[in-house]
Amino acid sequence: MAEGPFLLGQRARLPNGARIVVARTPGLHSAMLALYVRVGSRHERPEANGASHFVEHLLFRGSRGYPDSRAMNEAVEAAGGSMNAMTARDHTCLYTSLHPAGLETGIDVLADLARHPLMRDIEVERRVILEEILDEVDSRGRDVDPDNLVKRIAFAGHGLGQKIAGTRGSVRALSDPALRAHHARHYTAASVVLVAAGPVSYEEVVELATPRLGALPRGLPPPVDPPSTWPEGPTIRSVEHDDAQVEFALAFPAVPERHRDHAVALVVRRLLDDGLSSRLPFEVIERHGLAYSVHAGLETFEDGGLFSFEGACTAVRLEPVADAIFRVAAGLWDGVVPEEELARVKERHRMSLTFALDNPSELVGWFGTGELFGNEETLEERCRRVERVTAADVRRVARTMFRRRNLLAVAVGPGAPALRRALARAVDRSPLA
């Protein structure tokens, strides 16, 4: 993969501290704009849980320059775009694709939403969010989302353990002044990064963004409160839920992106789950037909992370599925990965990053989160880190992560006590140390 300015990204920092990154890919025909804001549920007090997500919703209710959602969407759509947003545990992102000729409109809308939101129709939006929260709870209000449940255990008492959308109680309690104060505290120059990718000019992006983002108050980035140590287990939980299948998550601790072993964890993830021929789907799905889908995932924050196995199966198959997952995970520290398999994984990793050059959305994600959290790295640098990983590295990191005492296991489905016993039996006989 050739080095070049479109891979390195061109960066600017405005006098007030707002940052701009441009990933120029002149061979494409569409562009992508994103405004990253360093605020999410980890930055909220428990009584204000859900404020970041609530504010994100309210931004689309209009701003000074675009007084309602119709005016805002008409402007963006006339530029070939479609506004959207997402809130995560550690950041918020407002984004739109657009035609390169509509760059000014896109930047103007994003900046105006950040600087001058009207924050109106709060009660209407509160009703929308309360409906959204129902996707994660059962008829009795119990959380039935395995990812939320795992994080609640892994990061107990910490912001990372809180739900992104908040609870029905916390969302009902959020007041107009509290939401406005949350916006004013976090939507500042110190916490924002504007990213543009596609056939766009660095000079034009900076010229258009400077008067708009340069008017944001300087502010301060949110304080980072590191989570406590990973809980010693194994920890097994189950939640009753009347459904045809059991949803499960098996989680282990992972290092943050800046850690020297992050590249090794990436290789471990791909060895386990990188197409139907890789170890996990081949063993669980192709060979034994135990589940329709099962996945291995790696999620990182600036000061920690999780390596998880997630999937769904019938209740009677939960135990053999867990057996198979533990067996596959233990295979990485109980043996030596063949060089051919390791080389294939590295080559697929390089290919996937090469494909990102054709996708402005992936590029803004790469450069936006990298800039926001101080993980600036070119695609080529990441490839080289991964390609230096050895079979001995894989074995060492797998032995550190996949240990019985590190396990957090959650199952949600019918017959919760039986599900918990099934997981306990699988853990007891697992080959994990």
Protein backbone atom coordinates (compact mmCIF):
# COMPACT_ATOMS: atom_id res chain seq x y z
CA MET A 1 0.00 0.00 0.00
CA ALA A 2 1.57 3.26 -1.08
CA GLU A 3 2.09 6.10 1.33
CA GLY A 4 0.63 9.48 0.42
CA PRO A 5 -1.10 12.53 1.88
CA PHE A 6 -4.51 10.93 1.44
CA LEU A 7 -3.39 8.16 3.81
CA LEU A 8 -1.61 10.37 6.28
CA GLY A 9 -4.47 12.82 6.48
CA GLN A 10 -3.85 16.56 6.54
CA ARG A 11 -4.49 18.18 9.88
CA ALA A 12 -5.20 21.67 11.13
CA ARG A 13 -5.83 23.06 14.59
CA LEU A 14 -7.75 26.33 14.87
CA PRO A 15 -6.73 28.96 17.43
CA ASN A 16 -9.58 27.92 19.74
CA GLY A 17 -8.41 24.28 19.67
CA ALA A 18 -10.93 22.80 17.22
CA ARG A 19 -9.30 20.20 14.97
CA ILE A 20 -9.77 19.43 11.28
CA VAL A 21 -8.62 16.33 9.38
CA VAL A 22 -8.91 15.87 5.63
CA ALA A 23 -8.37 12.49 3.93
CA ARG A 24 -8.24 13.35 0.24
CA THR A 25 -9.13 10.53 -2.17
CA PRO A 26 -9.37 12.20 -5.58
CA GLY A 27 -10.46 9.07 -7.46
CA LEU A 28 -13.88 8.93 -5.77
CA HIS A 29 -17.08 10.76 -6.67
CA SER A 30 -18.71 11.17 -3.24
CA ALA A 31 -17.49 12.83 -0.08
CA MET A 32 -18.19 12.32 3.61
CA LEU A 33 -18.26 14.85 6.42
CA ALA A 34 -18.36 14.04 10.11
CA LEU A 35 -18.19 16.07 13.29
CA TYR A 36 -16.84 14.00 16.19
CA VAL A 37 -17.51 15.20 19.72
CA ARG A 38 -15.80 13.69 22.73
CA VAL A 39 -18.88 13.08 24.82
CA GLY A 40 -20.88 9.93 25.53
CA SER A 41 -22.45 7.98 28.33
CA ARG A 42 -19.11 7.48 30.11
CA HIS A 43 -19.03 11.25 30.73
CA GLU A 44 -22.40 11.37 32.50
CA ARG A 45 -23.36 11.22 36.15
CA PRO A 46 -25.71 8.29 36.89
CA GLU A 47 -28.65 10.61 37.47
CA ALA A 48 -28.01 12.25 34.06
CA ASN A 49 -27.42 9.01 32.15
CA GLY A 50 -28.64 9.40 28.59
CA ALA A 51 -27.97 13.14 28.34
CA SER A 52 -25.47 12.83 25.47
CA HIS A 53 -27.86 10.70 23.43
CA PHE A 54 -30.76 13.05 24.25
CA VAL A 55 -28.75 16.08 23.10
CA GLU A 56 -27.81 14.30 19.88
CA HIS A 57 -31.52 13.80 19.17
CA LEU A 58 -32.34 17.42 19.95
CA LEU A 59 -29.71 18.76 17.55
CA PHE A 60 -31.88 17.54 14.70
CA ARG A 61 -34.81 19.64 15.92
CA GLY A 62 -33.23 22.68 14.31
CA SER A 63 -30.61 25.38 14.78
CA ARG A 64 -30.31 29.12 14.31
CA GLY A 65 -29.48 28.81 10.61
CA TYR A 66 -31.79 25.84 9.95
CA PRO A 67 -34.82 26.46 12.18
CA ASP A 68 -36.43 23.04 11.85
CA SER A 69 -35.58 19.53 10.75
CA ARG A 70 -37.18 20.04 7.35
CA ALA A 71 -35.05 23.09 6.54
CA MET A 72 -31.92 21.29 7.68
CA ASN A 73 -32.65 18.12 5.73
CA GLU A 74 -33.66 20.02 2.60
CA ALA A 75 -30.33 21.85 2.60
CA VAL A 76 -28.30 18.68 3.10
CA GLU A 77 -30.31 16.66 0.60
CA ALA A 78 -29.89 19.40 -2.02
CA ALA A 79 -26.14 18.85 -1.56
CA GLY A 80 -26.57 15.12 -2.22
CA GLY A 81 -26.40 14.17 1.45
CA SER A 82 -28.45 12.63 4.23
CA MET A 83 -27.90 13.72 7.83
CA ASN A 84 -27.42 11.13 10.52
CA ALA A 85 -25.82 10.76 13.93
CA MET A 86 -24.82 8.23 16.56
CA THR A 87 -23.91 8.31 20.22
CA ALA A 88 -21.44 5.85 21.70
CA ARG A 89 -20.11 5.37 25.20
CA ASP A 90 -17.16 7.68 24.60
CA HIS A 91 -18.13 9.96 21.69
CA THR A 92 -20.89 11.37 19.52
CA CYS A 93 -20.73 11.68 15.74
CA LEU A 94 -22.84 13.81 13.37
CA TYR A 95 -22.28 12.89 9.74
CA THR A 96 -23.47 13.09 6.16
CA SER A 97 -22.40 11.92 2.76
CA LEU A 98 -22.59 14.56 0.05
CA HIS A 99 -21.53 15.62 -3.40
CA PRO A 100 -18.13 17.35 -3.28
CA ALA A 101 -19.76 20.50 -4.66
CA GLY A 102 -21.94 20.62 -1.53
CA LEU A 103 -19.03 20.83 0.88
CA GLU A 104 -19.89 24.31 2.15
CA THR A 105 -23.48 23.37 2.91
CA GLY A 106 -22.40 20.28 4.82
CA ILE A 107 -19.87 22.13 6.95
CA ASP A 108 -22.31 24.96 7.61
CA VAL A 109 -25.03 22.59 8.81
CA LEU A 110 -22.74 20.54 11.06
CA ALA A 111 -21.18 23.62 12.61
CA ASP A 112 -24.55 25.30 13.15
CA LEU A 113 -25.95 22.22 14.87
CA ALA A 114 -22.97 22.22 17.23
CA ARG A 115 -22.94 25.98 17.88
CA HIS A 116 -26.57 27.11 17.80
CA PRO A 117 -29.04 24.28 18.39
CA LEU A 118 -32.53 25.45 19.30
CA MET A 119 -32.97 22.50 21.70
CA ARG A 120 -36.74 22.62 21.36
CA ASP A 121 -39.53 20.03 21.33
CA ILE A 122 -37.84 18.36 24.28
CA GLU A 123 -40.99 16.54 25.41
CA VAL A 124 -41.64 15.20 21.92
CA GLU A 125 -38.09 13.89 21.69
CA ARG A 126 -38.27 12.47 25.20
CA ARG A 127 -41.22 10.32 24.08
CA VAL A 128 -39.22 9.13 21.05
CA ILE A 129 -36.25 8.13 23.22
CA LEU A 130 -38.43 6.36 25.78
CA GLU A 131 -39.82 4.29 22.91
CA GLU A 132 -36.29 3.61 21.65
CA ILE A 133 -35.23 2.33 25.07
CA LEU A 134 -37.97 -0.30 24.88
CA ASP A 135 -35.84 -2.15 22.30
CA GLU A 136 -33.43 -3.07 25.11
CA VAL A 137 -35.87 -4.08 27.86
CA ASP A 138 -38.62 -6.62 28.37
CA SER A 139 -42.23 -6.00 29.37
CA ARG A 140 -41.13 -5.70 33.02
CA GLY A 141 -38.46 -3.12 32.23
CA ARG A 142 -35.50 -5.48 32.71
CA ASP A 143 -32.50 -5.00 30.47
CA VAL A 144 -32.28 -7.87 27.95
CA ASP A 145 -29.42 -6.58 25.83
CA PRO A 146 -26.38 -8.84 26.41
CA ASP A 147 -23.91 -6.10 25.46
CA ASN A 148 -25.34 -3.71 28.04
CA LEU A 149 -25.36 -6.46 30.66
CA VAL A 150 -21.75 -7.44 30.03
CA LYS A 151 -20.54 -3.86 30.21
CA ARG A 152 -22.47 -3.29 33.42
CA ILE A 153 -20.47 -6.12 34.99
CA ALA A 154 -17.12 -5.29 33.38
CA PHE A 155 -17.31 -1.59 34.28
CA ALA A 156 -19.39 -1.67 37.42
CA GLY A 157 -19.75 1.76 39.00
CA HIS A 158 -18.08 3.44 36.02
CA GLY A 159 -19.49 5.50 33.16
CA LEU A 160 -18.54 2.84 30.61
CA GLY A 161 -20.99 0.52 32.35
CA GLN A 162 -23.91 2.89 31.77
CA LYS A 163 -26.39 2.50 28.94
CA ILE A 164 -25.92 4.87 26.01
CA ALA A 165 -29.57 5.93 25.83
CA GLY A 166 -29.94 5.97 29.60
CA THR A 167 -32.71 4.35 31.60
CA ARG A 168 -36.37 5.24 31.45
CA GLY A 169 -36.01 6.83 34.88
CA SER A 170 -32.96 8.93 34.04
CA VAL A 171 -34.42 10.08 30.70
CA ARG A 172 -37.68 11.13 32.36
CA ALA A 173 -35.70 13.16 34.91
CA LEU A 174 -33.53 15.10 32.44
CA SER A 175 -34.67 18.71 32.42
CA ASP A 176 -34.40 21.42 29.78
CA PRO A 177 -31.71 23.32 31.77
CA ALA A 178 -29.73 20.13 32.37
CA LEU A 179 -29.72 19.22 28.68
CA ARG A 180 -28.70 22.74 27.64
CA ALA A 181 -25.92 22.73 30.21
CA HIS A 182 -24.71 19.35 28.98
CA HIS A 183 -24.53 20.70 25.43
CA ALA A 184 -22.74 23.88 26.49
CA ARG A 185 -20.22 21.90 28.53
CA HIS A 186 -19.26 19.41 25.85
CA TYR A 187 -19.83 20.96 22.42
CA THR A 188 -16.70 23.07 22.62
CA ALA A 189 -13.60 23.44 20.48
CA ALA A 190 -11.50 21.31 22.83
CA SER A 191 -13.78 18.31 22.20
CA VAL A 192 -14.58 18.46 18.47
CA VAL A 193 -12.93 17.11 15.34
CA LEU A 194 -14.26 17.82 11.85
CA VAL A 195 -13.29 15.16 9.31
CA ALA A 196 -13.73 15.30 5.54
CA ALA A 197 -12.96 12.42 3.18
CA GLY A 198 -13.28 12.05 -0.56
CA PRO A 199 -12.39 14.24 -3.56
CA VAL A 200 -12.17 17.41 -1.46
CA SER A 201 -9.51 20.06 -1.02
CA TYR A 202 -7.75 20.43 2.32
CA GLU A 203 -7.45 24.18 1.78
CA GLU A 204 -11.17 24.54 1.01
CA VAL A 205 -12.24 22.50 4.03
CA VAL A 206 -10.06 24.58 6.37
CA GLU A 207 -11.20 27.84 4.78
CA LEU A 208 -14.88 26.92 5.16
CA ALA A 209 -14.55 25.46 8.65
CA THR A 210 -12.40 28.18 10.22
CA PRO A 211 -15.05 30.92 10.65
CA ARG A 212 -17.68 28.38 11.69
CA LEU A 213 -15.86 26.07 14.11
CA GLY A 214 -13.46 28.84 15.06
CA ALA A 215 -16.37 30.56 16.80
CA LEU A 216 -16.93 27.71 19.23
CA PRO A 217 -15.93 28.44 22.84
CA ARG A 218 -12.58 26.87 23.69
CA GLY A 219 -13.83 24.76 26.59
CA LEU A 220 -12.05 21.80 28.17
CA PRO A 221 -12.04 18.15 27.17
CA PRO A 222 -13.95 15.92 29.58
CA PRO A 223 -11.89 14.38 32.36
CA VAL A 224 -11.00 10.73 31.85
CA ASP A 225 -11.75 8.53 34.82
CA PRO A 226 -10.09 5.14 34.17
CA PRO A 227 -12.23 2.11 34.93
CA SER A 228 -11.32 -0.10 37.83
CA THR A 229 -9.59 -3.42 37.28
CA TRP A 230 -11.43 -6.15 35.41
CA PRO A 231 -13.58 -8.15 37.84
CA GLU A 232 -12.20 -11.52 38.85
CA GLY A 233 -14.46 -14.36 37.87
CA PRO A 234 -15.67 -16.33 36.18
CA THR A 235 -18.88 -14.32 36.44
CA ILE A 236 -22.05 -15.86 35.04
CA ARG A 237 -25.41 -14.11 34.74
CA SER A 238 -28.69 -14.98 33.07
CA VAL A 239 -31.87 -13.01 32.50
CA GLU A 240 -35.29 -14.48 31.83
CA HIS A 241 -36.73 -13.47 28.48
CA ASP A 242 -39.54 -15.15 26.59
CA ASP A 243 -38.01 -15.69 23.18
CA ALA A 244 -37.38 -18.58 20.81
CA GLN A 245 -33.61 -18.23 21.10
CA VAL A 246 -31.00 -17.43 23.69
CA GLU A 247 -28.78 -14.44 23.09
CA PHE A 248 -25.40 -14.70 24.76
CA ALA A 249 -22.16 -12.82 25.25
CA LEU A 250 -18.87 -14.17 26.58
CA ALA A 251 -16.41 -11.37 27.30
CA PHE A 252 -12.75 -11.09 28.24
CA PRO A 253 -10.58 -8.00 28.91
CA ALA A 254 -8.67 -6.41 26.03
CA VAL A 255 -6.01 -3.71 25.84
CA PRO A 256 -6.72 -0.19 24.49
CA GLU A 257 -5.75 0.81 20.98
CA ARG A 258 -2.54 2.57 21.98
CA HIS A 259 -1.20 -0.52 23.75
CA ARG A 260 1.59 -2.41 21.99
CA ASP A 261 -0.50 -5.60 22.05
CA HIS A 262 -3.52 -4.09 20.30
CA ALA A 263 -2.22 -5.26 16.91
CA VAL A 264 -1.90 -8.78 18.34
CA ALA A 265 -5.53 -8.64 19.54
CA LEU A 266 -6.56 -7.63 16.02
CA VAL A 267 -4.82 -10.71 14.66
CA VAL A 268 -6.43 -12.91 17.32
CA ARG A 269 -9.85 -11.58 16.35
CA ARG A 270 -9.25 -12.32 12.67
CA LEU A 271 -7.89 -15.78 13.37
CA LEU A 272 -11.10 -16.55 15.19
CA ASP A 273 -13.64 -14.74 13.00
CA ASP A 274 -12.71 -13.48 9.56
CA GLY A 275 -14.99 -15.34 7.18
CA LEU A 276 -16.62 -18.75 7.24
CA SER A 277 -13.28 -20.52 6.85
CA SER A 278 -11.89 -19.02 10.05
CA ARG A 279 -11.81 -20.98 13.28
CA LEU A 280 -14.94 -19.88 15.13
CA PRO A 281 -17.63 -20.03 12.41
CA PHE A 282 -16.10 -23.17 10.93
CA GLU A 283 -16.25 -25.00 14.26
CA VAL A 284 -19.62 -23.74 15.51
CA ILE A 285 -21.59 -23.31 12.28
CA GLU A 286 -20.01 -25.19 9.41
CA ARG A 287 -18.75 -28.26 11.24
CA HIS A 288 -21.35 -28.82 13.95
CA GLY A 289 -24.35 -26.67 12.93
CA LEU A 290 -24.85 -25.45 16.49
CA ALA A 291 -25.95 -21.89 15.70
CA TYR A 292 -26.99 -19.75 12.78
CA SER A 293 -24.48 -17.04 13.63
CA VAL A 294 -21.69 -16.48 16.12
CA HIS A 295 -19.13 -13.70 16.11
CA ALA A 296 -15.93 -12.61 17.81
CA GLY A 297 -15.54 -8.88 18.37
CA LEU A 298 -12.98 -6.45 19.71
CA GLU A 299 -14.13 -3.14 21.19
CA THR A 300 -11.65 -0.64 22.55
CA PHE A 301 -11.81 2.56 24.55
CA GLU A 302 -8.95 4.91 25.33
CA ASP A 303 -8.20 3.09 28.57
CA GLY A 304 -9.51 -0.44 28.15
CA GLY A 305 -11.44 -2.83 25.99
CA LEU A 306 -13.38 -6.06 25.61
CA PHE A 307 -12.91 -9.13 23.47
CA SER A 308 -16.29 -10.79 23.14
CA PHE A 309 -18.02 -13.77 21.60
CA GLU A 310 -21.66 -13.15 20.81
CA GLY A 311 -24.41 -15.09 19.14
CA ALA A 312 -27.82 -16.69 19.41
CA CYS A 313 -28.96 -20.29 19.59
CA THR A 314 -31.73 -22.44 21.03
CA ALA A 315 -31.61 -22.99 24.78
CA VAL A 316 -30.63 -26.66 24.47
CA ARG A 317 -27.63 -25.72 22.33
CA LEU A 318 -26.21 -23.02 24.58
CA GLU A 319 -23.97 -25.46 26.43
CA PRO A 320 -22.42 -27.10 23.34
CA VAL A 321 -22.02 -23.69 21.69
CA ALA A 322 -20.16 -22.40 24.76
CA ASP A 323 -18.07 -25.59 24.79
CA ALA A 324 -17.09 -24.99 21.17
CA ILE A 325 -16.21 -21.34 21.76
CA PHE A 326 -14.00 -22.14 24.74
CA ARG A 327 -12.34 -24.92 22.77
CA VAL A 328 -11.60 -22.59 19.84
CA ALA A 329 -10.30 -19.82 22.11
CA ALA A 330 -8.06 -22.23 24.02
CA GLY A 331 -6.69 -23.51 20.73
CA LEU A 332 -4.82 -20.24 20.28
CA TRP A 333 -2.83 -20.59 23.48
CA ASP A 334 -2.63 -24.35 23.55
CA GLY A 335 -0.94 -24.62 20.14
CA VAL A 336 1.07 -22.70 17.56
CA VAL A 337 -0.72 -20.89 14.75
CA PRO A 338 0.61 -22.19 11.39
CA GLU A 339 2.57 -19.59 9.46
CA GLU A 340 0.32 -20.02 6.42
CA GLU A 341 -2.79 -19.19 8.47
CA LEU A 342 -1.09 -16.23 10.11
CA ALA A 343 0.06 -14.88 6.73
CA ARG A 344 -3.44 -15.24 5.31
CA VAL A 345 -4.95 -13.26 8.19
CA LYS A 346 -2.39 -10.48 7.78
CA GLU A 347 -3.03 -10.26 4.06
CA ARG A 348 -6.80 -10.03 4.60
CA HIS A 349 -6.19 -7.27 7.15
CA ARG A 350 -4.16 -5.32 4.59
CA MET A 351 -6.84 -5.88 1.97
CA SER A 352 -9.58 -4.61 4.28
CA LEU A 353 -7.66 -1.41 4.97
CA THR A 354 -6.99 -1.01 1.25
CA PHE A 355 -10.74 -1.30 0.61
CA ALA A 356 -11.28 1.55 3.07
CA LEU A 357 -9.66 3.86 0.53
CA ASP A 358 -12.78 3.41 -1.60
CA ASN A 359 -15.13 4.23 1.26
CA PRO A 360 -15.23 7.82 2.60
CA SER A 361 -17.37 6.66 5.53
CA GLU A 362 -14.66 4.28 6.74
CA LEU A 363 -12.01 6.94 6.27
CA VAL A 364 -13.80 9.52 8.40
CA GLY A 365 -14.24 6.87 11.08
CA TRP A 366 -10.55 5.99 10.99
CA PHE A 367 -9.25 9.56 11.09
CA GLY A 368 -12.03 10.96 13.30
CA THR A 369 -11.67 8.56 16.21
CA GLY A 370 -7.89 8.47 15.78
CA GLU A 371 -7.66 12.25 16.13
CA LEU A 372 -10.25 12.42 18.91
CA PHE A 373 -8.44 9.94 21.15
CA GLY A 374 -4.82 10.58 20.20
CA ASN A 375 -4.43 7.37 18.18
CA GLU A 376 -3.21 9.03 14.99
CA GLU A 377 -1.91 6.31 12.72
CA THR A 378 -1.81 5.85 8.96
CA LEU A 379 -3.32 2.81 7.34
CA GLU A 380 0.17 1.71 6.35
CA GLU A 381 1.49 2.07 9.90
CA ARG A 382 -1.34 -0.09 11.19
CA CYS A 383 -0.61 -2.72 8.52
CA ARG A 384 3.03 -2.81 9.52
CA ARG A 385 2.16 -3.26 13.19
CA VAL A 386 -0.10 -6.17 12.33
CA GLU A 387 2.45 -7.73 9.98
CA ARG A 388 5.07 -7.78 12.76
CA VAL A 389 2.85 -9.99 14.91
CA THR A 390 4.29 -13.48 15.42
CA ALA A 391 2.73 -16.80 16.37
CA ALA A 392 4.44 -16.43 19.75
CA ASP A 393 2.72 -13.03 20.20
CA VAL A 394 -0.65 -14.60 19.44
CA ARG A 395 -0.08 -17.35 21.98
CA ARG A 396 1.11 -14.92 24.66
CA VAL A 397 -1.82 -12.50 24.27
CA ALA A 398 -4.40 -15.29 23.96
CA ARG A 399 -3.07 -16.81 27.20
CA THR A 400 -3.40 -13.42 28.89
CA MET A 401 -6.94 -12.70 27.67
CA PHE A 402 -8.69 -16.06 27.50
CA ARG A 403 -8.48 -17.16 31.10
CA ARG A 404 -11.29 -18.59 33.18
CA ARG A 405 -10.91 -15.94 35.87
CA ASN A 406 -11.40 -13.21 33.23
CA LEU A 407 -14.66 -14.55 31.85
CA LEU A 408 -17.92 -12.60 31.97
CA ALA A 409 -20.78 -14.71 30.61
CA VAL A 410 -24.33 -13.49 30.04
CA ALA A 411 -27.29 -15.36 28.59
CA VAL A 412 -30.72 -13.88 27.93
CA GLY A 413 -33.61 -16.21 27.10
CA PRO A 414 -36.21 -18.67 28.38
CA GLY A 415 -35.39 -20.62 31.53
CA ALA A 416 -32.75 -18.31 33.00
CA PRO A 417 -31.67 -20.65 35.87
CA ALA A 418 -31.11 -23.51 33.40
CA LEU A 419 -29.14 -21.19 31.11
CA ARG A 420 -26.90 -20.16 34.00
CA ARG A 421 -26.31 -23.80 34.94
CA ALA A 422 -25.49 -24.66 31.31
CA LEU A 423 -22.88 -21.91 31.13
CA ALA A 424 -21.43 -22.95 34.49
CA ARG A 425 -21.01 -26.54 33.31
CA ALA A 426 -19.30 -25.37 30.10
CA VAL A 427 -16.95 -23.14 32.11
CA ASP A 428 -16.11 -25.92 34.60
CA ARG A 429 -14.95 -28.30 31.89
CA SER A 430 -13.48 -25.70 29.55
CA PRO A 431 -9.81 -26.06 28.59
CA LEU A 432 -9.20 -22.44 29.61
CA ALA A 433 -6.63 -22.09 32.38
